[in-house]
Amino acid sequence: MKTQHSKKRIKNSHPKEFNFARSIPNKYAERYARETNVVVIEPDLVKLFPNSVAVNHALRSIANALGKSKKEVV
């Protein structure tokens, strides 16, 4: 015999619209923006550098060609 589940289906409890009038801003947003180091590259470069490993390798090659030591680059 199959057991019957007595779970009631809960209707969508989220409102259709949210009222942000009384919301507070993210207190970490300014610090996050200041302390992150995200660089956005253009779409045509993504084909050449598909991930951060490729980007870092290319940048290290350029830094070495310019004669910069690792201490100066970091």
N, C-alpha and C. Protein backbone atom coordinates (compact mmCIF):
# COMPACT_ATOMS: atom_id res chain seq x y z
N MET A 1 0.83 -1.18 0.00
CA MET A 1 0.00 0.00 0.00
C MET A 1 0.87 1.25 0.00
N LYS A 2 0.38 2.25 -0.68
CA LYS A 2 1.09 3.51 -0.71
C LYS A 2 0.74 4.30 0.54
N THR A 3 1.76 4.95 1.08
CA THR A 3 1.49 5.81 2.24
C THR A 3 1.06 7.17 1.75
N GLN A 4 0.14 7.74 2.45
CA GLN A 4 -0.33 9.07 2.07
C GLN A 4 0.40 10.12 2.89
N HIS A 5 0.85 11.10 2.20
CA HIS A 5 1.56 12.19 2.87
C HIS A 5 0.55 13.25 3.30
N SER A 6 0.71 13.70 4.50
CA SER A 6 -0.23 14.69 5.01
C SER A 6 0.31 16.12 4.89
N LYS A 7 1.33 16.29 4.05
CA LYS A 7 1.88 17.64 3.88
C LYS A 7 0.89 18.51 3.13
N LYS A 8 0.69 19.66 3.63
CA LYS A 8 -0.17 20.62 2.94
C LYS A 8 0.71 21.45 2.01
N ARG A 9 0.21 21.68 0.87
CA ARG A 9 0.96 22.53 -0.05
C ARG A 9 0.80 23.98 0.38
N ILE A 10 1.92 24.62 0.50
CA ILE A 10 1.92 26.02 0.91
C ILE A 10 1.86 26.88 -0.34
N LYS A 11 0.91 27.77 -0.37
CA LYS A 11 0.82 28.69 -1.49
C LYS A 11 2.02 29.62 -1.45
N ASN A 12 2.31 30.22 -2.55
CA ASN A 12 3.45 31.13 -2.65
C ASN A 12 3.32 32.19 -1.56
N SER A 13 4.22 32.15 -0.60
CA SER A 13 4.16 33.06 0.54
C SER A 13 4.86 34.39 0.27
N HIS A 14 5.50 34.51 -0.88
CA HIS A 14 6.19 35.76 -1.21
C HIS A 14 5.21 36.73 -1.84
N PRO A 15 5.29 37.98 -1.44
CA PRO A 15 4.40 38.97 -2.08
C PRO A 15 4.82 39.19 -3.53
N LYS A 16 3.91 39.66 -4.34
CA LYS A 16 4.22 39.93 -5.74
C LYS A 16 5.21 41.08 -5.88
N GLU A 17 5.16 42.02 -4.97
CA GLU A 17 6.07 43.16 -4.98
C GLU A 17 6.61 43.36 -3.57
N PHE A 18 7.85 43.84 -3.50
CA PHE A 18 8.46 44.12 -2.21
C PHE A 18 8.50 45.63 -2.00
N ASN A 19 8.27 46.06 -0.78
CA ASN A 19 8.35 47.47 -0.44
C ASN A 19 9.68 47.70 0.26
N PHE A 20 10.58 48.40 -0.40
CA PHE A 20 11.91 48.65 0.15
C PHE A 20 12.00 50.00 0.86
N ALA A 21 10.89 50.63 1.12
CA ALA A 21 10.89 51.96 1.72
C ALA A 21 11.55 51.96 3.10
N ARG A 22 11.38 50.91 3.85
CA ARG A 22 11.95 50.86 5.20
C ARG A 22 13.22 50.01 5.27
N SER A 23 13.76 49.64 4.13
CA SER A 23 14.96 48.81 4.14
C SER A 23 16.19 49.66 4.47
N ILE A 24 17.22 49.01 4.95
CA ILE A 24 18.47 49.71 5.27
C ILE A 24 19.52 49.32 4.24
N PRO A 25 20.42 50.24 3.90
CA PRO A 25 21.45 49.91 2.92
C PRO A 25 22.44 48.90 3.49
N ASN A 26 23.12 48.22 2.60
CA ASN A 26 24.12 47.24 3.00
C ASN A 26 25.30 47.96 3.65
N LYS A 27 25.53 47.69 4.92
CA LYS A 27 26.60 48.40 5.63
C LYS A 27 27.99 47.96 5.18
N TYR A 28 28.09 46.86 4.45
CA TYR A 28 29.39 46.37 3.99
C TYR A 28 29.68 46.74 2.54
N ALA A 29 28.76 47.37 1.85
CA ALA A 29 28.91 47.65 0.42
C ALA A 29 30.13 48.52 0.13
N GLU A 30 30.33 49.57 0.89
CA GLU A 30 31.46 50.47 0.65
C GLU A 30 32.79 49.75 0.87
N ARG A 31 32.89 49.00 1.95
CA ARG A 31 34.12 48.27 2.24
C ARG A 31 34.37 47.21 1.17
N TYR A 32 33.33 46.53 0.75
CA TYR A 32 33.47 45.51 -0.29
C TYR A 32 33.99 46.13 -1.58
N ALA A 33 33.43 47.25 -1.98
CA ALA A 33 33.86 47.91 -3.20
C ALA A 33 35.31 48.38 -3.10
N ARG A 34 35.71 48.80 -1.93
CA ARG A 34 37.07 49.30 -1.71
C ARG A 34 38.09 48.18 -1.66
N GLU A 35 37.72 47.02 -1.14
CA GLU A 35 38.68 45.95 -0.89
C GLU A 35 38.69 44.84 -1.93
N THR A 36 37.82 44.88 -2.91
CA THR A 36 37.84 43.85 -3.94
C THR A 36 38.72 44.29 -5.09
N ASN A 37 39.17 43.33 -5.86
CA ASN A 37 40.03 43.65 -6.98
C ASN A 37 39.54 42.95 -8.24
N VAL A 38 38.32 43.23 -8.60
CA VAL A 38 37.72 42.64 -9.79
C VAL A 38 38.00 43.55 -10.98
N VAL A 39 38.46 42.95 -12.06
CA VAL A 39 38.71 43.69 -13.28
C VAL A 39 37.84 43.07 -14.36
N VAL A 40 37.09 43.89 -15.06
CA VAL A 40 36.22 43.41 -16.13
C VAL A 40 36.95 43.58 -17.45
N ILE A 41 37.10 42.48 -18.18
CA ILE A 41 37.74 42.57 -19.49
C ILE A 41 36.67 42.55 -20.57
N GLU A 42 37.01 43.07 -21.72
CA GLU A 42 36.06 43.18 -22.82
C GLU A 42 35.82 41.82 -23.47
N PRO A 43 34.65 41.64 -24.07
CA PRO A 43 34.27 40.33 -24.62
C PRO A 43 35.26 39.74 -25.62
N ASP A 44 35.90 40.58 -26.44
CA ASP A 44 36.85 40.03 -27.41
C ASP A 44 38.09 39.45 -26.72
N LEU A 45 38.44 39.96 -25.55
CA LEU A 45 39.58 39.43 -24.82
C LEU A 45 39.26 38.14 -24.09
N VAL A 46 37.99 37.91 -23.81
CA VAL A 46 37.59 36.67 -23.13
C VAL A 46 37.93 35.47 -24.00
N LYS A 47 37.89 35.65 -25.31
CA LYS A 47 38.25 34.55 -26.21
C LYS A 47 39.72 34.19 -26.06
N LEU A 48 40.57 35.18 -25.82
CA LEU A 48 42.00 34.94 -25.65
C LEU A 48 42.37 34.53 -24.23
N PHE A 49 41.67 35.10 -23.26
CA PHE A 49 41.94 34.84 -21.85
C PHE A 49 40.66 34.38 -21.17
N PRO A 50 40.34 33.08 -21.26
CA PRO A 50 39.04 32.60 -20.78
C PRO A 50 38.89 32.49 -19.27
N ASN A 51 40.01 32.58 -18.53
CA ASN A 51 39.90 32.42 -17.07
C ASN A 51 41.00 33.22 -16.39
N SER A 52 40.96 33.26 -15.07
CA SER A 52 41.92 34.07 -14.31
C SER A 52 43.34 33.54 -14.43
N VAL A 53 43.50 32.24 -14.61
CA VAL A 53 44.85 31.67 -14.77
C VAL A 53 45.50 32.24 -16.03
N ALA A 54 44.76 32.28 -17.12
CA ALA A 54 45.30 32.82 -18.37
C ALA A 54 45.63 34.30 -18.25
N VAL A 55 44.77 35.05 -17.60
CA VAL A 55 45.00 36.48 -17.41
C VAL A 55 46.24 36.70 -16.55
N ASN A 56 46.34 35.98 -15.44
CA ASN A 56 47.50 36.14 -14.55
C ASN A 56 48.79 35.76 -15.25
N HIS A 57 48.77 34.70 -16.04
CA HIS A 57 49.96 34.27 -16.77
C HIS A 57 50.41 35.36 -17.75
N ALA A 58 49.47 35.93 -18.47
CA ALA A 58 49.80 36.99 -19.43
C ALA A 58 50.34 38.23 -18.71
N LEU A 59 49.72 38.60 -17.61
CA LEU A 59 50.19 39.78 -16.87
C LEU A 59 51.57 39.57 -16.27
N ARG A 60 51.84 38.36 -15.79
CA ARG A 60 53.18 38.08 -15.25
C ARG A 60 54.23 38.12 -16.36
N SER A 61 53.87 37.64 -17.55
CA SER A 61 54.80 37.70 -18.68
C SER A 61 55.12 39.14 -19.04
N ILE A 62 54.11 39.98 -19.04
CA ILE A 62 54.32 41.40 -19.34
C ILE A 62 55.18 42.04 -18.26
N ALA A 63 54.90 41.73 -17.00
CA ALA A 63 55.68 42.30 -15.90
C ALA A 63 57.14 41.86 -15.99
N ASN A 64 57.37 40.59 -16.32
CA ASN A 64 58.75 40.11 -16.47
C ASN A 64 59.44 40.79 -17.64
N ALA A 65 58.72 41.01 -18.73
CA ALA A 65 59.31 41.67 -19.90
C ALA A 65 59.67 43.11 -19.58
N LEU A 66 58.93 43.73 -18.68
CA LEU A 66 59.23 45.10 -18.29
C LEU A 66 60.34 45.17 -17.24
N GLY A 67 60.75 44.00 -16.74
CA GLY A 67 61.81 43.96 -15.74
C GLY A 67 61.34 44.20 -14.33
N LYS A 68 60.07 44.04 -14.09
CA LYS A 68 59.53 44.22 -12.74
C LYS A 68 59.71 42.93 -11.95
N SER A 69 60.14 43.07 -10.71
CA SER A 69 60.24 41.89 -9.86
C SER A 69 58.88 41.57 -9.28
N LYS A 70 58.74 40.38 -8.71
CA LYS A 70 57.47 39.98 -8.12
C LYS A 70 57.08 40.91 -6.98
N LYS A 71 58.05 41.39 -6.22
CA LYS A 71 57.75 42.29 -5.10
C LYS A 71 57.17 43.61 -5.60
N GLU A 72 57.69 44.11 -6.73
CA GLU A 72 57.18 45.37 -7.27
C GLU A 72 55.79 45.20 -7.87
N VAL A 73 55.50 44.03 -8.43
CA VAL A 73 54.21 43.79 -9.07
C VAL A 73 53.13 43.61 -8.03
N VAL A 74 53.41 42.87 -6.97
CA VAL A 74 52.42 42.59 -5.94
C VAL A 74 52.30 43.78 -5.09
